[in-house]
Amino acid sequence: MHPQGIFNSTHFNICAEFRQIAFLLEVDALTLTFDGDCRAALERCLSIRRMMYHIADEHDIGYLVSLQRHEQAFYCIQQILSSMPVDRETLTWLQGQISTVQGPPPPLGRAFEITLEDAIKHLRAHPEDLEIRKEGLLDIIEDESLRQEILSLTDDELLERAKELYKKFLSSVNRVIGSDIPYQQKHLQLKQLEDEFGDDDPIFIILFGYVPTNNVARHNDIYVRTIAEYNAIRAAIEIYLINAETGQLPETFPPHSPEDPFSGQDFEYEFTSQGFVLRCREKEIDADMLWEFEFKIQSNAENN
């Protein structure tokens, strides 16, 4: 929770407006699908994705809103694909749009850096808030030498030290997220960073509550979940294209298709009575969920 003022009404209003526009685009997409104009419906979903990139770097809350709307756009695309006749031309167009033009949702990083910058800006503009934070910090410190050291720092010096502590934390977070280690290890390492942050220097309390320190693993889980849906959509398009060319679903998961980011392996691929399911092989840890994505196959009588 951000203290009042740090994530100001302008930011909240922008996020709320983007949510509302995305909702209207989604409703329009589903209406167009019902009317049989699936290409236009898919364009509405892609418009949601384009729009969400504009708030992905606007604080950690804007980042979460962006990921949530990306997920909703992917779910809407999933529903459209399950409702439309298998159309090679539309599928090829969508494949190019979703993979090469728009790409995957953005990872953590810049959004947290901007949150830090705005927290520092807020505390400099509101010294009364900083003074309250400073008093709270002094109340919990028993080491007299450290108390005197803090008292000797100017407000700017105190903020700069807190800023450097948090930047060091973010650097470690981004290094873990950007590594090639499996999702499960990333989750554990991010949890460990959360637990250890500030142990060496309690001055981080100056920023505590203004910047995220105890939910970076959760943020990354949501990001990985969004990538899972993104990859499932891309893999499903490949399967639909094979169906368009051969008139039947492939017997096995197509080689070189996007992977399940939770396991780093191919999605489980299973036939259903109406189409197929792509299932992640590992659970999202905090949600304790094994995500799966169902796709239906409609008549291909209208295929080119």
Protein backbone atom coordinates (compact mmCIF):
# COMPACT_ATOMS: atom_id res chain seq x y z
CA MET A 1 0.00 0.00 0.00
CA HIS A 2 1.44 3.35 -1.00
CA PRO A 3 1.00 6.24 1.47
CA GLN A 4 -1.45 8.87 0.32
CA GLY A 5 0.24 11.30 -2.03
CA ILE A 6 3.02 9.08 -3.34
CA PHE A 7 0.86 7.34 -5.92
CA ASN A 8 -1.28 10.38 -6.56
CA SER A 9 -4.80 10.76 -7.85
CA THR A 10 -3.56 11.40 -11.38
CA HIS A 11 -1.93 7.98 -11.50
CA PHE A 12 -4.96 6.26 -10.02
CA ASN A 13 -7.25 8.06 -12.48
CA ILE A 14 -5.07 7.05 -15.43
CA CYS A 15 -5.07 3.40 -14.34
CA ALA A 16 -8.83 3.49 -13.79
CA GLU A 17 -9.39 5.04 -17.22
CA PHE A 18 -7.15 2.47 -18.90
CA ARG A 19 -9.04 -0.33 -17.14
CA GLN A 20 -12.35 1.09 -18.34
CA ILE A 21 -11.17 1.51 -21.93
CA ALA A 22 -9.75 -2.02 -21.92
CA PHE A 23 -13.06 -3.37 -20.60
CA LEU A 24 -15.00 -1.56 -23.36
CA LEU A 25 -12.60 -2.87 -26.01
CA GLU A 26 -13.02 -6.39 -24.66
CA VAL A 27 -16.83 -6.14 -24.75
CA ASP A 28 -16.62 -4.79 -28.30
CA ALA A 29 -14.31 -7.67 -29.27
CA LEU A 30 -16.72 -10.28 -27.95
CA THR A 31 -19.63 -8.54 -29.68
CA LEU A 32 -17.74 -8.50 -32.98
CA THR A 33 -16.95 -12.20 -32.50
CA PHE A 34 -20.64 -12.95 -32.03
CA ASP A 35 -21.36 -10.97 -35.21
CA GLY A 36 -18.76 -13.02 -37.11
CA ASP A 37 -16.13 -10.27 -37.58
CA CYS A 38 -13.31 -12.12 -35.82
CA ARG A 39 -10.47 -10.18 -37.47
CA ALA A 40 -11.84 -6.89 -36.08
CA ALA A 41 -12.38 -8.59 -32.71
CA LEU A 42 -8.75 -9.67 -32.58
CA GLU A 43 -7.65 -6.14 -33.49
CA ARG A 44 -9.52 -4.86 -30.42
CA CYS A 45 -7.55 -7.28 -28.23
CA LEU A 46 -4.29 -6.17 -29.80
CA SER A 47 -5.31 -2.56 -29.12
CA ILE A 48 -5.64 -3.42 -25.43
CA ARG A 49 -2.08 -4.74 -25.46
CA ARG A 50 -0.71 -1.65 -27.24
CA MET A 51 -2.45 0.58 -24.74
CA MET A 52 -1.13 -1.32 -21.72
CA TYR A 53 2.49 -0.76 -22.71
CA HIS A 54 1.97 2.93 -21.92
CA ILE A 55 1.40 2.32 -18.20
CA ALA A 56 3.73 -0.66 -17.72
CA ASP A 57 6.51 1.69 -16.56
CA GLU A 58 4.26 3.91 -14.43
CA HIS A 59 4.95 2.70 -10.87
CA ASP A 60 4.56 -0.84 -9.60
CA ILE A 61 0.77 -0.43 -9.43
CA GLY A 62 0.61 0.65 -13.07
CA TYR A 63 2.78 -2.33 -13.91
CA LEU A 64 0.36 -4.73 -12.22
CA VAL A 65 -2.60 -3.12 -13.99
CA SER A 66 -0.74 -3.55 -17.29
CA LEU A 67 -0.08 -7.26 -16.64
CA GLN A 68 -3.68 -7.86 -15.60
CA ARG A 69 -5.01 -6.26 -18.79
CA HIS A 70 -2.48 -8.18 -20.91
CA GLU A 71 -3.83 -11.36 -19.32
CA GLN A 72 -7.38 -10.29 -20.08
CA ALA A 73 -6.47 -9.53 -23.70
CA PHE A 74 -4.90 -12.99 -24.04
CA TYR A 75 -7.98 -14.62 -22.52
CA CYS A 76 -10.17 -12.70 -24.96
CA ILE A 77 -7.99 -13.87 -27.88
CA GLN A 78 -8.34 -17.42 -26.54
CA GLN A 79 -12.14 -17.07 -26.60
CA ILE A 80 -12.12 -15.63 -30.13
CA LEU A 81 -9.88 -18.41 -31.46
CA SER A 82 -12.24 -20.95 -29.89
CA SER A 83 -15.25 -19.32 -31.55
CA MET A 84 -14.05 -18.60 -35.10
CA PRO A 85 -13.72 -20.96 -38.08
CA VAL A 86 -10.09 -22.02 -38.62
CA ASP A 87 -8.94 -19.33 -41.06
CA ARG A 88 -5.34 -19.62 -42.28
CA GLU A 89 -5.10 -15.99 -43.41
CA THR A 90 -6.35 -14.56 -40.12
CA LEU A 91 -4.19 -16.95 -38.10
CA THR A 92 -1.05 -16.04 -40.05
CA TRP A 93 -1.79 -12.34 -39.59
CA LEU A 94 -2.36 -12.81 -35.84
CA GLN A 95 0.81 -14.87 -35.51
CA GLY A 96 2.85 -12.01 -36.96
CA GLN A 97 1.11 -9.37 -34.87
CA ILE A 98 1.31 -11.08 -31.52
CA SER A 99 4.85 -12.46 -31.86
CA THR A 100 6.92 -9.99 -33.83
CA VAL A 101 5.08 -6.66 -33.65
CA GLN A 102 3.93 -6.49 -30.03
CA GLY A 103 6.07 -9.12 -28.37
CA PRO A 104 5.78 -10.35 -24.78
CA PRO A 105 4.65 -8.18 -21.85
CA PRO A 106 7.52 -6.26 -20.21
CA PRO A 107 9.35 -7.68 -17.16
CA LEU A 108 9.91 -5.93 -13.85
CA GLY A 109 12.53 -3.22 -13.69
CA ARG A 110 11.75 0.26 -14.87
CA ALA A 111 8.40 0.40 -13.05
CA PHE A 112 10.11 -0.19 -9.68
CA GLU A 113 12.80 2.37 -10.50
CA ILE A 114 10.15 4.99 -11.22
CA THR A 115 8.37 4.10 -7.98
CA LEU A 116 11.65 4.75 -6.14
CA GLU A 117 12.20 8.06 -7.94
CA ASP A 118 8.72 9.26 -7.05
CA ALA A 119 9.10 8.15 -3.42
CA ILE A 120 12.28 10.21 -3.09
CA LYS A 121 10.64 13.16 -4.83
CA HIS A 122 7.64 12.94 -2.49
CA LEU A 123 9.75 12.84 0.70
CA ARG A 124 11.85 15.79 -0.47
CA ALA A 125 8.70 17.77 -1.19
CA HIS A 126 7.14 16.79 2.16
CA PRO A 127 9.80 17.08 4.88
CA GLU A 128 7.13 16.55 7.54
CA ASP A 129 6.61 13.00 6.22
CA LEU A 130 10.36 12.43 6.20
CA GLU A 131 10.61 13.66 9.79
CA ILE A 132 7.96 11.15 10.89
CA ARG A 133 9.88 8.39 9.12
CA LYS A 134 13.12 9.53 10.71
CA GLU A 135 11.60 9.51 14.20
CA GLY A 136 10.25 6.03 13.64
CA LEU A 137 13.66 4.88 12.49
CA LEU A 138 15.38 6.32 15.58
CA ASP A 139 12.82 4.67 17.85
CA ILE A 140 13.77 1.18 16.75
CA ILE A 141 17.57 1.63 16.76
CA GLU A 142 19.31 0.59 19.97
CA ASP A 143 22.88 1.14 18.76
CA GLU A 144 23.77 4.61 20.00
CA SER A 145 26.57 5.10 17.49
CA LEU A 146 24.17 4.38 14.61
CA ARG A 147 21.62 6.77 16.14
CA GLN A 148 24.21 9.52 16.23
CA GLU A 149 25.27 8.75 12.68
CA ILE A 150 21.68 9.12 11.46
CA LEU A 151 21.23 12.35 13.43
CA SER A 152 24.35 13.72 11.77
CA LEU A 153 22.97 13.15 8.25
CA THR A 154 21.13 15.88 6.39
CA ASP A 155 17.75 15.00 4.90
CA ASP A 156 19.31 14.75 1.45
CA GLU A 157 22.10 12.50 2.73
CA LEU A 158 19.59 10.27 4.53
CA LEU A 159 17.43 9.96 1.43
CA GLU A 160 20.44 9.28 -0.76
CA ARG A 161 21.58 6.48 1.54
CA ALA A 162 18.09 4.94 1.60
CA LYS A 163 17.93 5.29 -2.19
CA GLU A 164 21.24 3.48 -2.68
CA LEU A 165 20.09 0.67 -0.39
CA TYR A 166 16.95 0.17 -2.44
CA LYS A 167 18.78 0.42 -5.76
CA LYS A 168 21.12 -2.32 -4.55
CA PHE A 169 18.06 -4.42 -3.68
CA LEU A 170 16.52 -3.79 -7.11
CA SER A 171 19.79 -4.69 -8.80
CA SER A 172 19.75 -8.06 -7.03
CA VAL A 173 16.07 -8.57 -7.92
CA ASN A 174 16.65 -7.81 -11.60
CA ARG A 175 19.71 -10.06 -11.67
CA VAL A 176 17.64 -12.98 -10.37
CA ILE A 177 14.73 -12.31 -12.72
CA GLY A 178 17.05 -11.95 -15.71
CA SER A 179 18.94 -15.16 -14.97
CA ASP A 180 18.43 -18.50 -16.69
CA ILE A 181 17.62 -20.40 -13.50
CA PRO A 182 14.24 -22.21 -13.32
CA TYR A 183 11.12 -20.39 -12.15
CA GLN A 184 10.98 -22.26 -8.82
CA GLN A 185 14.54 -21.20 -7.92
CA LYS A 186 13.80 -17.62 -8.95
CA HIS A 187 10.79 -17.56 -6.68
CA LEU A 188 12.81 -18.84 -3.71
CA GLN A 189 15.69 -16.43 -4.34
CA LEU A 190 13.31 -13.47 -4.63
CA LYS A 191 11.64 -14.49 -1.36
CA GLN A 192 15.08 -14.64 0.24
CA LEU A 193 15.93 -11.16 -1.03
CA GLU A 194 12.64 -9.88 0.42
CA ASP A 195 13.46 -11.41 3.81
CA GLU A 196 17.04 -10.14 3.87
CA PHE A 197 16.43 -6.60 2.58
CA GLY A 198 17.44 -4.01 5.15
CA ASP A 199 19.09 -6.43 7.58
CA ASP A 200 22.48 -4.78 7.14
CA ASP A 201 21.23 -1.21 7.33
CA PRO A 202 17.85 -0.25 8.88
CA ILE A 203 17.80 3.08 7.03
CA PHE A 204 15.66 1.34 4.40
CA ILE A 205 12.73 2.02 6.80
CA ILE A 206 12.77 5.58 5.48
CA LEU A 207 11.34 4.16 2.24
CA PHE A 208 9.36 1.29 3.71
CA GLY A 209 5.73 1.55 2.61
CA TYR A 210 6.64 3.81 -0.30
CA VAL A 211 8.39 1.20 -2.42
CA PRO A 212 7.70 -2.55 -2.80
CA THR A 213 10.06 -4.78 -0.83
CA ASN A 214 7.96 -7.75 0.22
CA ASN A 215 6.08 -8.62 -2.98
CA VAL A 216 8.66 -8.83 -5.76
CA ALA A 217 8.23 -12.62 -5.92
CA ARG A 218 4.48 -12.10 -6.30
CA HIS A 219 5.03 -9.52 -9.05
CA ASN A 220 7.29 -11.97 -10.86
CA ASP A 221 4.74 -14.77 -10.46
CA ILE A 222 2.12 -12.61 -12.17
CA TYR A 223 4.61 -11.77 -14.92
CA VAL A 224 5.44 -15.47 -15.49
CA ARG A 225 1.73 -16.32 -15.52
CA THR A 226 1.18 -13.66 -18.18
CA ILE A 227 4.05 -15.05 -20.24
CA ALA A 228 2.51 -18.52 -19.87
CA GLU A 229 -0.72 -17.29 -21.44
CA TYR A 230 1.21 -15.37 -24.12
CA ASN A 231 3.20 -18.50 -25.00
CA ALA A 232 0.08 -20.68 -24.93
CA ILE A 233 -1.64 -18.36 -27.41
CA ARG A 234 1.39 -18.47 -29.73
CA ALA A 235 1.61 -22.26 -29.49
CA ALA A 236 -2.14 -22.59 -30.06
CA ILE A 237 -1.91 -20.48 -33.23
CA GLU A 238 0.71 -22.92 -34.54
CA ILE A 239 -1.63 -25.83 -33.76
CA TYR A 240 -4.56 -24.06 -35.44
CA LEU A 241 -2.41 -23.47 -38.54
CA ILE A 242 -1.54 -27.16 -38.72
CA ASN A 243 -5.24 -27.91 -38.43
CA ALA A 244 -5.95 -25.44 -41.24
CA GLU A 245 -3.38 -27.15 -43.50
CA THR A 246 -4.13 -30.80 -42.70
CA GLY A 247 -7.73 -30.74 -41.52
CA GLN A 248 -6.78 -32.32 -38.20
CA LEU A 249 -4.92 -31.52 -35.00
CA PRO A 250 -1.27 -32.60 -34.74
CA GLU A 251 -0.72 -35.81 -32.82
CA THR A 252 1.99 -34.24 -30.64
CA PHE A 253 2.92 -30.76 -29.48
CA PRO A 254 4.60 -28.99 -32.45
CA PRO A 255 8.41 -28.83 -32.14
CA HIS A 256 10.04 -25.44 -31.53
CA SER A 257 6.79 -24.01 -30.17
CA PRO A 258 6.86 -21.60 -27.20
CA GLU A 259 7.40 -23.27 -23.83
CA ASP A 260 5.68 -23.27 -20.49
CA PRO A 261 7.71 -20.66 -18.53
CA PHE A 262 6.92 -22.28 -15.19
CA SER A 263 8.76 -25.49 -16.12
CA GLY A 264 10.90 -24.44 -19.08
CA GLN A 265 9.45 -27.42 -20.98
CA ASP A 266 6.84 -27.93 -23.68
CA PHE A 267 3.27 -27.44 -22.57
CA GLU A 268 1.34 -30.63 -21.92
CA TYR A 269 -0.84 -31.09 -25.00
CA GLU A 270 -4.10 -32.96 -24.63
CA PHE A 271 -7.02 -33.54 -26.97
CA THR A 272 -10.53 -32.71 -25.77
CA SER A 273 -13.91 -33.49 -27.28
CA GLN A 274 -13.99 -29.96 -28.76
CA GLY A 275 -10.35 -29.17 -29.37
CA PHE A 276 -7.27 -29.22 -27.17
CA VAL A 277 -5.77 -28.04 -23.89
CA LEU A 278 -2.30 -26.66 -23.25
CA ARG A 279 -1.28 -27.21 -19.63
CA CYS A 280 1.68 -25.90 -17.65
CA ARG A 281 3.82 -28.62 -16.11
CA GLU A 282 4.66 -26.75 -12.88
CA LYS A 283 2.45 -24.80 -10.50
CA GLU A 284 2.56 -21.10 -9.83
CA ILE A 285 3.88 -21.31 -6.28
CA ASP A 286 2.00 -18.65 -4.30
CA ALA A 287 -1.28 -19.22 -6.16
CA ASP A 288 -0.80 -23.00 -5.88
CA MET A 289 -2.28 -23.26 -9.38
CA LEU A 290 -1.43 -25.42 -12.36
CA TRP A 291 -2.54 -23.20 -15.22
CA GLU A 292 -4.16 -24.64 -18.32
CA PHE A 293 -5.56 -23.04 -21.45
CA GLU A 294 -8.41 -24.62 -23.41
CA PHE A 295 -8.98 -24.03 -27.12
CA LYS A 296 -11.87 -25.23 -29.23
CA ILE A 297 -11.89 -26.05 -32.94
CA GLN A 298 -14.79 -24.77 -35.02
CA SER A 299 -15.76 -25.92 -38.50
CA ASN A 300 -13.05 -25.26 -41.05
CA ALA A 301 -15.47 -25.21 -43.91
CA GLU A 302 -14.68 -21.54 -44.49
CA ASN A 303 -10.92 -22.04 -44.60
CA ASN A 304 -9.04 -20.72 -47.58
